[in-house]
């Protein structure tokens, strides 16, 4: 039946297709994934962090120390730029529109989406279009994908600082992978196909937390927050990638997808400040819609930029 071949033809398909299938199952049969372990642990958000930890370790084994400076240069510029964009625009949004926001989009929904990044989808796309340096950047990208960043922006006035423990916990599996891969090249070879194997499970764990009915109830406001995100975040980041790093921009675009993990941000923010509590339910629905929409749009933007880059190289060769 060549199921795998058809899935691979879809940009980021190894993650997106399982995510959408899991979302449909969770919507139609919400208790199916909750029947108990090991099913629940394997196919729901209960195992998301385990899978991310495994992918971090595996991707670390593929990073040669000789490539570390190049990786830090590419990923570091994109990550720092992403955080600066999120902080400046997030503060401006709250300043001009307050926490209630505009057009039905609250500050908590807007900032959760603005700061979000789906490293799993990034890795799936870079496996198709990027090089080894782009793929190694997965470990660094995970540092800006933690929910504490939007919560810090939302609650900056309350003095919420950087959660250094989360930063260290994210880096440790990646660093262990780098150490193992560079000590023994056979370990590097053994783990080489690891990310391709783990991506469908990560997609399933994201999708099992999405209720499509809830997501589409806020489709108009969800569409608005997604368009704002793509316009205010993706376009500037592609420009930075091209001007500063002299790259085609597809890696920058690949970082601009909304992760399912961002749906926990509204509840976390409300836990720090009860003022956000009235917006939690609507914000979760809007974020879920943004997760679905960016998972479809971003891969095709990345594909177009990658093919455009390939075409330009061929023209230069002639």
Protein backbone atom coordinates (compact mmCIF):
# COMPACT_ATOMS: atom_id res chain seq x y z
CA UNK A 1 0.00 0.00 0.00
CA UNK A 2 3.04 2.30 0.33
CA UNK A 3 1.54 4.29 3.21
CA UNK A 4 4.93 5.61 4.27
CA UNK A 5 5.75 6.88 0.80
CA UNK A 6 2.51 8.85 0.61
CA UNK A 7 2.99 10.31 4.09
CA UNK A 8 6.54 11.41 3.24
CA UNK A 9 5.27 13.32 0.19
CA UNK A 10 3.48 15.69 2.59
CA UNK A 11 5.87 18.32 4.02
CA UNK A 12 6.40 17.35 7.67
CA UNK A 13 4.05 14.43 7.09
CA UNK A 14 5.73 12.09 9.56
CA UNK A 15 4.54 14.39 12.34
CA UNK A 16 1.48 16.10 10.84
CA UNK A 17 -0.43 13.04 9.60
CA UNK A 18 -0.27 11.15 12.94
CA UNK A 19 -1.16 14.40 14.75
CA UNK A 20 -4.31 14.95 12.66
CA UNK A 21 -5.35 11.29 12.93
CA UNK A 22 -4.91 11.41 16.70
CA UNK A 23 -6.91 14.69 16.86
CA UNK A 24 -9.79 13.08 14.94
CA UNK A 25 -9.74 10.05 17.25
CA UNK A 26 -9.60 12.24 20.36
CA UNK A 27 -12.52 14.33 19.06
CA UNK A 28 -14.72 11.34 18.22
CA UNK A 29 -13.66 9.06 21.09
CA UNK A 30 -12.14 11.28 23.82
CA UNK A 31 -11.68 8.43 26.31
CA UNK A 32 -10.03 5.98 23.90
CA UNK A 33 -6.47 7.14 24.57
CA UNK A 34 -7.17 7.18 28.32
CA UNK A 35 -7.83 3.47 28.76
CA UNK A 36 -4.60 3.05 30.73
CA UNK A 37 -0.89 2.44 30.35
CA UNK A 38 1.03 1.64 28.22
CA UNK A 39 -1.46 2.95 25.62
CA UNK A 40 -2.03 6.21 27.49
CA UNK A 41 1.68 6.74 28.13
CA UNK A 42 2.60 6.06 24.50
CA UNK A 43 -0.11 7.93 22.60
CA UNK A 44 -0.98 10.96 24.77
CA UNK A 45 0.66 14.08 26.16
CA UNK A 46 1.64 11.97 29.17
CA UNK A 47 4.63 10.78 27.16
CA UNK A 48 5.37 13.98 25.23
CA UNK A 49 8.33 15.04 27.35
CA UNK A 50 9.83 11.55 27.24
CA UNK A 51 9.67 11.60 23.44
CA UNK A 52 11.14 15.11 23.27
CA UNK A 53 13.93 14.02 25.61
CA UNK A 54 14.69 11.01 23.41
CA UNK A 55 14.71 13.15 20.25
CA UNK A 56 17.02 15.64 21.95
CA UNK A 57 19.46 12.88 22.83
CA UNK A 58 19.28 11.30 19.38
CA UNK A 59 19.72 14.62 17.57
CA UNK A 60 22.67 15.40 19.86
CA UNK A 61 24.45 12.25 18.71
CA UNK A 62 24.33 13.57 15.14
CA UNK A 63 26.13 16.84 15.97
CA UNK A 64 29.88 16.74 15.43
CA UNK A 65 31.76 19.17 17.66
CA UNK A 66 33.39 20.61 14.55
CA UNK A 67 29.91 21.81 13.51
CA UNK A 68 28.98 23.27 16.91
CA UNK A 69 30.00 26.87 16.15
CA UNK A 70 28.03 26.88 12.89
CA UNK A 71 25.01 25.37 14.63
CA UNK A 72 25.10 27.92 17.45
CA UNK A 73 25.49 30.72 14.93
CA UNK A 74 22.43 29.73 12.90
CA UNK A 75 20.14 28.58 15.69
CA UNK A 76 21.35 31.21 18.17
CA UNK A 77 20.54 34.12 15.87
CA UNK A 78 17.09 32.73 15.09
CA UNK A 79 16.28 31.93 18.73
CA UNK A 80 17.45 35.29 20.09
CA UNK A 81 15.61 37.12 17.29
CA UNK A 82 12.48 35.09 17.99
CA UNK A 83 12.53 35.94 21.70
CA UNK A 84 13.15 39.65 21.03
CA UNK A 85 10.26 39.79 18.54
CA UNK A 86 7.98 38.02 21.02
CA UNK A 87 8.90 40.27 23.95
CA UNK A 88 8.63 43.57 22.05
CA UNK A 89 5.40 42.78 20.20
CA UNK A 90 3.89 41.05 23.25
CA UNK A 91 4.50 44.06 25.48
CA UNK A 92 3.18 46.39 22.77
CA UNK A 93 -0.01 44.29 22.45
CA UNK A 94 -0.70 44.47 26.19
CA UNK A 95 0.17 48.19 26.29
CA UNK A 96 -2.23 49.18 23.50
CA UNK A 97 -5.04 46.62 23.90
CA UNK A 98 -4.77 45.40 27.51
CA UNK A 99 -5.17 41.79 28.59
CA UNK A 100 -8.61 41.66 26.95
CA UNK A 101 -6.98 42.16 23.57
CA UNK A 102 -8.74 42.97 20.31
CA UNK A 103 -11.06 41.17 17.90
CA UNK A 104 -11.79 38.46 20.46
CA UNK A 105 -8.07 37.66 20.79
CA UNK A 106 -6.87 38.11 24.37
CA UNK A 107 -3.30 38.88 25.38
CA UNK A 108 -2.83 35.38 26.77
CA UNK A 109 -3.86 33.76 23.45
CA UNK A 110 -1.83 36.18 21.34
CA UNK A 111 1.40 35.87 23.35
CA UNK A 112 1.07 32.08 23.70
CA UNK A 113 0.88 31.77 19.90
CA UNK A 114 3.48 34.48 19.23
CA UNK A 115 6.13 32.74 21.34
CA UNK A 116 5.26 29.19 20.29
CA UNK A 117 7.51 26.94 18.25
CA UNK A 118 7.09 23.29 17.36
CA UNK A 119 10.59 21.75 17.33
CA UNK A 120 9.14 18.40 16.25
CA UNK A 121 7.69 19.84 13.05
CA UNK A 122 10.90 21.84 12.51
CA UNK A 123 12.92 18.62 12.68
CA UNK A 124 10.53 16.80 10.35
CA UNK A 125 10.87 19.60 7.78
CA UNK A 126 14.65 19.83 8.15
CA UNK A 127 14.90 16.08 7.59
CA UNK A 128 13.35 16.76 4.20
CA UNK A 129 14.83 20.13 3.21
CA UNK A 130 17.63 21.12 5.60
CA UNK A 131 21.23 20.06 6.10
CA UNK A 132 22.92 18.42 9.09
CA UNK A 133 23.48 21.81 10.77
CA UNK A 134 19.77 22.69 10.47
CA UNK A 135 18.82 19.35 12.01
CA UNK A 136 21.29 19.76 14.88
CA UNK A 137 19.64 23.11 15.71
CA UNK A 138 16.65 21.12 17.05
CA UNK A 139 18.29 20.92 20.47
CA UNK A 140 18.74 24.68 20.75
CA UNK A 141 15.27 25.40 19.40
CA UNK A 142 13.76 23.45 22.29
CA UNK A 143 15.04 26.15 24.65
CA UNK A 144 12.50 28.67 23.30
CA UNK A 145 9.67 26.14 23.03
CA UNK A 146 9.06 25.87 26.78
CA UNK A 147 5.77 27.42 28.04
CA UNK A 148 7.55 29.43 30.72
CA UNK A 149 8.64 32.06 28.13
CA UNK A 150 5.12 33.35 27.28
CA UNK A 151 4.21 33.17 30.99
CA UNK A 152 7.29 35.28 31.78
CA UNK A 153 6.22 37.87 29.20
CA UNK A 154 2.64 37.93 30.47
CA UNK A 155 3.69 38.20 34.09
CA UNK A 156 6.87 40.28 33.71
CA UNK A 157 5.34 42.98 35.89
CA UNK A 158 5.04 40.40 38.69
CA UNK A 159 8.78 39.72 38.65
CA UNK A 160 8.71 36.19 37.21
CA UNK A 161 12.31 35.31 36.35
CA UNK A 162 14.02 32.79 34.11
CA UNK A 163 13.46 29.16 35.10
CA UNK A 164 17.08 28.01 34.92
CA UNK A 165 16.14 24.47 35.94
CA UNK A 166 13.98 24.14 32.78
CA UNK A 167 16.87 25.39 30.62
CA UNK A 168 19.29 22.86 32.14
CA UNK A 169 16.72 20.04 31.93
CA UNK A 170 16.24 20.78 28.22
CA UNK A 171 19.96 20.95 27.43
CA UNK A 172 21.09 17.88 29.38
CA UNK A 173 19.80 15.10 27.02
CA UNK A 174 21.15 17.06 24.03
CA UNK A 175 24.58 17.44 25.64
CA UNK A 176 24.67 13.74 26.59
CA UNK A 177 23.88 12.90 22.97
CA UNK A 178 26.70 15.15 21.71
CA UNK A 179 29.14 13.48 24.12
CA UNK A 180 28.16 9.95 23.12
CA UNK A 181 28.13 10.66 19.39
CA UNK A 182 31.56 12.29 19.44
CA UNK A 183 33.16 9.64 21.67
CA UNK A 184 32.10 6.79 19.39
CA UNK A 185 31.14 7.17 15.73
CA UNK A 186 29.34 3.80 15.83
CA UNK A 187 26.89 5.28 18.36
CA UNK A 188 26.28 8.14 15.94
CA UNK A 189 25.50 5.66 13.16
CA UNK A 190 23.22 3.58 15.40
CA UNK A 191 21.07 6.59 16.34
CA UNK A 192 21.02 8.14 12.84
CA UNK A 193 17.47 6.94 11.93
CA UNK A 194 16.16 7.61 15.44
CA UNK A 195 14.37 10.89 14.80
CA UNK A 196 12.43 9.48 11.83
CA UNK A 197 11.17 6.67 14.06
CA UNK A 198 10.18 8.94 16.95
CA UNK A 199 8.46 11.74 15.00
CA UNK A 200 5.16 9.87 14.35
CA UNK A 201 4.86 9.13 18.08
CA UNK A 202 5.49 12.79 18.92
CA UNK A 203 2.81 13.85 16.41
CA UNK A 204 0.34 11.43 17.98
CA UNK A 205 1.03 12.78 21.47
CA UNK A 206 0.34 16.33 20.22
CA UNK A 207 -2.85 15.35 18.38
CA UNK A 208 -4.31 13.36 21.25
CA UNK A 209 -4.63 16.63 23.17
CA UNK A 210 -6.60 18.45 20.44
CA UNK A 211 -10.40 18.53 20.28
CA UNK A 212 -11.28 19.61 16.75
CA UNK A 213 -14.76 20.79 17.79
CA UNK A 214 -13.32 23.15 20.38
CA UNK A 215 -10.67 24.34 17.92
CA UNK A 216 -13.16 25.22 15.19
CA UNK A 217 -15.60 26.92 17.56
CA UNK A 218 -13.11 29.79 17.63
CA UNK A 219 -12.16 29.52 13.97
CA UNK A 220 -12.52 33.23 13.10
CA UNK A 221 -10.58 34.56 16.08
CA UNK A 222 -8.19 31.61 15.75
CA UNK A 223 -7.62 32.58 12.12
CA UNK A 224 -6.97 36.18 13.17
CA UNK A 225 -4.36 35.24 15.78
CA UNK A 226 -2.68 32.87 13.30
CA UNK A 227 -2.49 35.51 10.56
CA UNK A 228 -1.07 38.03 13.04
CA UNK A 229 1.50 35.45 14.15
CA UNK A 230 2.63 34.66 10.60
CA UNK A 231 2.78 38.33 9.63
CA UNK A 232 4.48 39.67 12.78
CA UNK A 233 6.80 36.74 13.46
CA UNK A 234 7.47 34.63 10.37
CA UNK A 235 8.09 37.43 7.87
CA UNK A 236 10.63 39.33 10.07
CA UNK A 237 12.39 36.07 10.96
CA UNK A 238 12.74 35.03 7.32
CA UNK A 239 14.21 38.48 6.63
CA UNK A 240 16.73 38.07 9.47
CA UNK A 241 17.68 34.61 8.19
CA UNK A 242 18.34 36.00 4.72
CA UNK A 243 20.03 39.28 5.64
CA UNK A 244 22.04 38.30 8.75
CA UNK A 245 22.76 34.61 8.16
CA UNK A 246 22.70 34.75 4.34
CA UNK A 247 20.47 31.67 4.28
CA UNK A 248 17.38 30.97 2.12
CA UNK A 249 14.92 31.45 4.98
CA UNK A 250 13.32 28.01 5.08
CA UNK A 251 14.84 27.16 8.49
CA UNK A 252 13.45 30.40 9.96
CA UNK A 253 10.01 29.65 8.51
CA UNK A 254 10.15 26.12 9.95
CA UNK A 255 10.48 27.52 13.48
CA UNK A 256 7.20 29.43 13.08
CA UNK A 257 4.65 26.71 13.73
CA UNK A 258 2.50 26.62 16.86
CA UNK A 259 3.05 23.65 19.18
CA UNK A 260 0.32 21.75 21.00
CA UNK A 261 2.30 22.33 24.19
CA UNK A 262 1.27 26.02 24.00
CA UNK A 263 -2.27 25.07 25.01
CA UNK A 264 -1.08 24.81 28.63
CA UNK A 265 0.02 28.50 28.66
CA UNK A 266 -3.39 30.08 29.47
CA UNK A 267 -3.86 27.88 32.54
CA UNK A 268 -0.29 28.53 33.68
CA UNK A 269 -0.73 32.29 33.23
CA UNK A 270 -4.01 32.23 35.17
CA UNK A 271 -2.23 30.36 37.94
CA UNK A 272 0.22 33.25 38.30
CA UNK A 273 -2.36 35.99 37.78
CA UNK A 274 -6.15 35.37 38.19
CA UNK A 275 -6.83 38.30 35.81
CA UNK A 276 -6.20 35.90 32.91
CA UNK A 277 -8.70 33.29 34.15
CA UNK A 278 -11.75 34.58 32.16
CA UNK A 279 -9.83 34.16 28.90
CA UNK A 280 -8.47 30.64 29.42
CA UNK A 281 -11.15 28.55 27.67
CA UNK A 282 -11.37 30.75 24.57
CA UNK A 283 -7.58 31.10 24.39
CA UNK A 284 -7.10 27.31 24.43
CA UNK A 285 -9.54 26.93 21.52
CA UNK A 286 -7.79 29.67 19.53
CA UNK A 287 -4.37 28.13 20.16
CA UNK A 288 -5.65 24.70 19.09
CA UNK A 289 -6.89 26.21 15.82
CA UNK A 290 -3.50 27.90 15.32
CA UNK A 291 -1.75 24.55 15.93
CA UNK A 292 -3.77 22.91 13.17
CA UNK A 293 -3.52 25.79 10.70
CA UNK A 294 0.23 26.42 11.07
CA UNK A 295 0.89 22.68 10.83
CA UNK A 296 -0.63 22.86 7.35
CA UNK A 297 0.61 26.28 6.18
CA UNK A 298 4.20 26.32 7.48
CA UNK A 299 5.36 23.10 5.73
CA UNK A 300 4.26 24.47 2.36
CA UNK A 301 5.97 27.80 2.99
CA UNK A 302 9.15 25.93 3.92
CA UNK A 303 8.87 23.73 0.84
CA UNK A 304 8.44 26.73 -1.42
CA UNK A 305 11.45 28.55 0.06
CA UNK A 306 13.59 25.40 -0.15
CA UNK A 307 12.66 24.77 -3.79
CA UNK A 308 13.24 28.44 -4.60
CA UNK A 309 16.72 28.18 -3.08
CA UNK A 310 17.46 25.02 -5.09
CA UNK A 311 16.28 26.70 -8.28
CA UNK A 312 18.50 29.74 -7.63
CA UNK A 313 21.53 27.49 -7.09
CA UNK A 314 20.88 25.71 -10.39
CA UNK A 315 20.59 29.04 -12.22
CA UNK A 316 23.86 30.21 -10.70
CA UNK A 317 25.55 26.99 -11.79
CA UNK A 318 24.61 27.75 -15.39
